[in-house]
Protein backbone atom coordinates (compact mmCIF):
# COMPACT_ATOMS: atom_id res chain seq x y z
CA MET A 1 -109.58 -139.14 -58.03
CA LYS A 2 -108.90 -140.89 -61.27
CA LYS A 3 -108.40 -137.58 -63.13
CA LYS A 4 -105.90 -136.63 -60.40
CA ILE A 5 -104.02 -139.87 -60.98
CA MET A 6 -103.57 -139.07 -64.70
CA LEU A 7 -102.46 -135.38 -63.88
CA VAL A 8 -99.91 -136.61 -61.36
CA LEU A 9 -98.39 -139.04 -63.84
CA PHE A 10 -98.36 -136.44 -66.60
CA ALA A 11 -96.63 -134.07 -64.23
CA LEU A 12 -93.94 -136.57 -63.39
CA VAL A 13 -93.33 -137.09 -67.04
CA VAL A 14 -92.88 -133.34 -67.66
CA SER A 15 -90.55 -132.94 -64.68
CA MET A 16 -88.26 -135.66 -66.12
CA SER A 17 -87.84 -133.86 -69.50
CA GLY A 18 -85.08 -131.50 -68.37
CA PHE A 19 -82.50 -134.25 -67.69
CA ALA A 20 -79.69 -134.84 -70.33
CA GLN A 21 -80.53 -138.57 -70.51
CA VAL A 22 -83.90 -137.84 -72.15
CA SER A 23 -84.74 -138.39 -75.86
CA TRP A 24 -88.11 -137.87 -77.53
CA ASN A 25 -90.06 -139.78 -80.17
CA VAL A 26 -93.33 -139.49 -82.35
CA LYS A 27 -95.49 -142.52 -83.14
CA GLY A 28 -98.49 -143.40 -85.06
CA GLY A 29 -100.17 -146.54 -86.07
CA LEU A 30 -103.25 -148.80 -86.39
CA ASN A 31 -105.26 -150.38 -83.59
CA MET A 32 -107.35 -153.39 -83.77
CA SER A 33 -109.50 -153.40 -80.65
CA THR A 34 -112.13 -155.61 -79.21
CA TYR A 35 -113.74 -156.72 -75.64
CA VAL A 36 -112.71 -159.51 -73.60
CA GLY A 37 -114.36 -161.04 -70.43
CA ASP A 38 -117.98 -161.73 -69.67
CA ASN A 39 -120.65 -161.47 -72.54
CA THR A 40 -118.05 -161.00 -75.37
CA ASP A 41 -118.39 -164.28 -77.36
CA ASP A 42 -119.71 -162.34 -80.35
CA ALA A 43 -117.24 -159.33 -80.09
CA LYS A 44 -115.37 -158.58 -83.10
CA PHE A 45 -112.34 -156.41 -83.81
CA LYS A 46 -112.76 -152.90 -84.67
CA PRO A 47 -110.05 -150.79 -86.48
CA GLY A 48 -108.81 -147.52 -84.91
CA VAL A 49 -105.76 -145.22 -84.78
CA ARG A 50 -103.05 -144.39 -82.27
CA ILE A 51 -100.84 -141.26 -82.47
CA GLY A 52 -98.73 -139.50 -79.80
CA VAL A 53 -95.37 -138.51 -78.46
CA GLY A 54 -93.04 -140.42 -76.19
CA MET A 55 -90.08 -139.64 -73.81
CA GLU A 56 -87.23 -142.04 -73.06
CA TYR A 57 -85.25 -141.63 -69.92
CA ALA A 58 -82.05 -143.71 -69.92
CA LEU A 59 -81.36 -145.73 -66.80
CA SER A 60 -78.39 -147.69 -68.21
CA GLU A 61 -77.05 -148.55 -71.71
CA ILE A 62 -79.70 -151.07 -72.33
CA MET A 63 -82.56 -150.05 -69.93
CA SER A 64 -84.82 -146.98 -70.01
CA LEU A 65 -88.12 -145.68 -68.76
CA GLN A 66 -90.49 -144.65 -71.51
CA PRO A 67 -93.70 -142.78 -70.76
CA SER A 68 -95.83 -141.75 -73.64
CA LEU A 69 -99.03 -139.81 -74.22
CA TYR A 70 -101.30 -140.94 -77.07
CA LEU A 71 -104.65 -140.25 -78.55
CA SER A 72 -106.06 -143.68 -79.02
CA SER A 73 -109.29 -145.06 -80.48
CA LYS A 74 -110.77 -148.44 -79.30
CA GLY A 75 -113.89 -150.30 -79.08
CA ALA A 76 -115.65 -153.35 -80.45
CA LYS A 77 -118.35 -154.45 -82.90
CA PHE A 78 -121.17 -156.97 -82.40
CA SER A 79 -123.48 -158.46 -85.08
CA GLY A 80 -126.31 -160.79 -85.02
CA SER A 81 -129.46 -161.98 -87.04
CA ALA A 82 -132.62 -163.80 -86.62
CA ASN A 83 -135.72 -164.91 -88.64
CA PHE A 84 -139.04 -163.44 -87.71
CA LEU A 85 -142.22 -164.03 -89.66
CA GLU A 86 -140.03 -165.26 -92.64
CA GLU A 87 -138.03 -162.01 -92.58
CA ASN A 88 -134.26 -161.95 -91.75
CA ILE A 89 -133.59 -159.30 -89.18
CA LYS A 90 -129.96 -158.13 -88.69
CA GLY A 91 -128.54 -156.02 -85.91
CA ASP A 92 -125.13 -154.35 -85.70
CA ILE A 93 -123.58 -152.31 -82.98
CA THR A 94 -120.34 -150.52 -82.94
CA PHE A 95 -118.79 -149.04 -79.82
CA ASN A 96 -116.19 -146.28 -80.48
CA GLN A 97 -114.08 -145.04 -77.60
CA THR A 98 -111.45 -142.31 -77.83
CA TYR A 99 -108.89 -142.05 -75.10
CA LEU A 100 -106.03 -139.91 -73.83
CA GLU A 101 -103.64 -142.79 -72.96
CA LEU A 102 -100.41 -142.79 -70.84
CA PRO A 103 -98.40 -145.98 -71.01
CA VAL A 104 -95.31 -146.12 -68.65
CA ASN A 105 -93.04 -148.82 -70.04
CA LEU A 106 -89.75 -150.12 -68.99
CA GLN A 107 -87.77 -150.66 -72.17
CA PHE A 108 -84.70 -152.92 -73.05
CA ARG A 109 -82.64 -152.36 -76.11
CA PHE A 110 -80.30 -154.89 -77.58
CA ASN A 111 -77.97 -154.17 -80.55
CA ALA A 112 -78.56 -156.41 -83.52
CA ALA A 113 -76.15 -155.06 -86.12
CA GLY A 114 -74.88 -151.70 -86.76
CA ASN A 115 -77.51 -149.03 -86.06
CA THR A 116 -80.17 -151.67 -85.88
CA ASN A 117 -81.61 -152.43 -82.31
CA ILE A 118 -84.14 -154.94 -80.97
CA VAL A 119 -86.41 -153.19 -78.27
CA VAL A 120 -88.88 -154.91 -75.93
CA ALA A 121 -90.93 -152.92 -73.39
CA GLY A 122 -93.71 -153.45 -70.82
CA GLY A 123 -95.65 -151.82 -68.16
CA PRO A 124 -98.92 -150.31 -67.16
CA TYR A 125 -101.19 -147.92 -69.03
CA PHE A 126 -103.63 -145.49 -67.67
CA ALA A 127 -106.45 -143.90 -69.93
CA TYR A 128 -109.21 -141.40 -69.74
CA GLY A 129 -112.21 -141.51 -72.27
CA ILE A 130 -112.83 -138.14 -73.91
CA GLY A 131 -115.29 -138.99 -76.59
CA GLY A 132 -116.76 -141.47 -79.10
CA LYS A 133 -120.09 -142.48 -80.41
CA THR A 134 -121.84 -145.80 -80.31
CA THR A 135 -123.94 -146.74 -83.32
CA ALA A 136 -126.69 -149.20 -83.53
CA THR A 137 -128.29 -150.44 -86.81
CA VAL A 138 -131.32 -152.83 -87.24
CA THR A 139 -132.12 -153.96 -90.79
CA ALA A 140 -135.13 -155.77 -92.03
CA GLY A 141 -135.44 -156.35 -95.70
CA ASP A 142 -135.12 -152.96 -97.36
CA ASN A 143 -135.79 -151.12 -94.20
CA SER A 144 -133.06 -149.91 -91.84
CA ILE A 145 -132.98 -148.02 -88.59
CA LYS A 146 -129.76 -146.39 -87.24
CA LYS A 147 -129.25 -144.72 -83.91
CA LYS A 148 -126.30 -142.97 -82.42
CA ALA A 149 -125.32 -142.08 -78.80
CA ASP A 150 -122.40 -140.86 -76.87
CA THR A 151 -120.22 -143.75 -75.62
CA PHE A 152 -119.32 -141.86 -72.44
CA GLY A 153 -121.71 -139.75 -70.21
CA LYS A 154 -124.97 -140.15 -68.50
CA ASP A 155 -126.92 -139.13 -71.58
CA GLY A 156 -125.53 -141.92 -73.66
CA VAL A 157 -124.09 -145.50 -73.15
CA ASP A 158 -122.35 -144.34 -70.03
CA LEU A 159 -119.22 -146.53 -70.11
CA ASN A 160 -116.63 -145.88 -67.47
CA ARG A 161 -114.24 -143.26 -68.73
CA PHE A 162 -111.27 -144.48 -66.83
CA ASP A 163 -109.32 -147.47 -67.94
CA ALA A 164 -106.09 -149.04 -67.04
CA GLY A 165 -104.29 -152.15 -67.87
CA ILE A 166 -101.08 -153.86 -69.08
CA ASN A 167 -99.06 -152.74 -72.16
CA ILE A 168 -96.44 -154.89 -74.06
CA GLU A 169 -94.45 -153.74 -77.08
CA ALA A 170 -91.65 -155.08 -79.22
CA GLY A 171 -90.03 -153.59 -82.21
CA LEU A 172 -86.91 -152.60 -84.22
CA GLU A 173 -84.95 -149.27 -84.46
CA PHE A 174 -83.20 -148.67 -87.75
CA GLY A 175 -81.29 -145.66 -86.67
CA ALA A 176 -84.02 -143.03 -85.92
CA ILE A 177 -86.83 -144.99 -87.58
CA LEU A 178 -89.00 -147.13 -85.24
CA VAL A 179 -91.15 -149.88 -86.23
CA GLY A 180 -93.17 -151.99 -83.67
CA ILE A 181 -96.12 -153.88 -82.37
CA ASN A 182 -97.96 -153.68 -79.18
CA THR A 183 -100.67 -155.39 -77.31
CA GLN A 184 -102.75 -154.20 -74.32
CA LEU A 185 -105.16 -155.90 -71.96
CA GLY A 186 -107.51 -153.80 -69.73
CA VAL A 187 -108.02 -154.55 -66.07
CA CYS A 188 -110.86 -152.11 -65.60
CA ARG A 189 -114.44 -153.14 -66.42
CA LEU A 190 -116.30 -150.78 -68.86
CA GLY A 191 -119.38 -150.74 -66.84
CA GLU A 192 -121.17 -152.52 -63.97
CA SER A 193 -120.23 -155.80 -62.64
CA GLY A 194 -120.15 -158.45 -65.43
CA SER A 195 -119.28 -155.99 -68.22
CA PRO A 196 -116.32 -156.49 -70.44
CA ARG A 197 -112.76 -155.04 -70.55
CA ASN A 198 -110.64 -153.54 -73.46
CA ALA A 199 -108.17 -155.55 -75.39
CA ASN A 200 -106.07 -154.21 -78.33
CA ILE A 201 -103.22 -155.11 -80.62
CA GLY A 202 -101.53 -152.67 -82.96
CA VAL A 203 -98.68 -151.77 -85.11
CA THR A 204 -96.81 -148.43 -85.04
CA VAL A 205 -94.05 -146.57 -86.94
CA GLY A 206 -92.27 -143.64 -85.42
CA TYR A 207 -89.16 -141.35 -85.48
CA LYS A 208 -86.76 -140.80 -82.61
CA PHE A 209 -85.17 -137.36 -81.87
């Protein structure tokens, strides 16, 4: 069912691309992601990347609908330590999640000066996990043990593949050059009841065709 939702949304995006009011852009940037919600007091930010293509369908001179399709890496880091028999034991775990992500934003554009515009946008995003590894490392003195497992799938950590949430963006357009920031807050839990949700902030640069 969740895969069908993603396919229907993507089909709607493609069907709009034949209209004259449509323009395209490519974007790429850096993500800083973490977990929020229950059991996330020790969660730290994990860097990642976000690259993709967007479409802008003009609704008026200042308002447009902007669906995009991104390849986005998210996740979080956890670290801890304890003393046992006069030995300091450290543990680290990093969750890496790679998603196909489809944000659908309502965007507003305001001219600042000349060919410089201020843009603000917001809307829902929908994502499906396609890969990623979770790495756990335990270190005691000079000894270290590292284990890896798939982040998604029954044979690994088995996080939920489907994610959705709220996406907010702001930026500047210098002619065809785009520079912006974005933040996301997931509304879907990553696992069973009590598990955390994705959260993300990022910076992007792009080019508008």
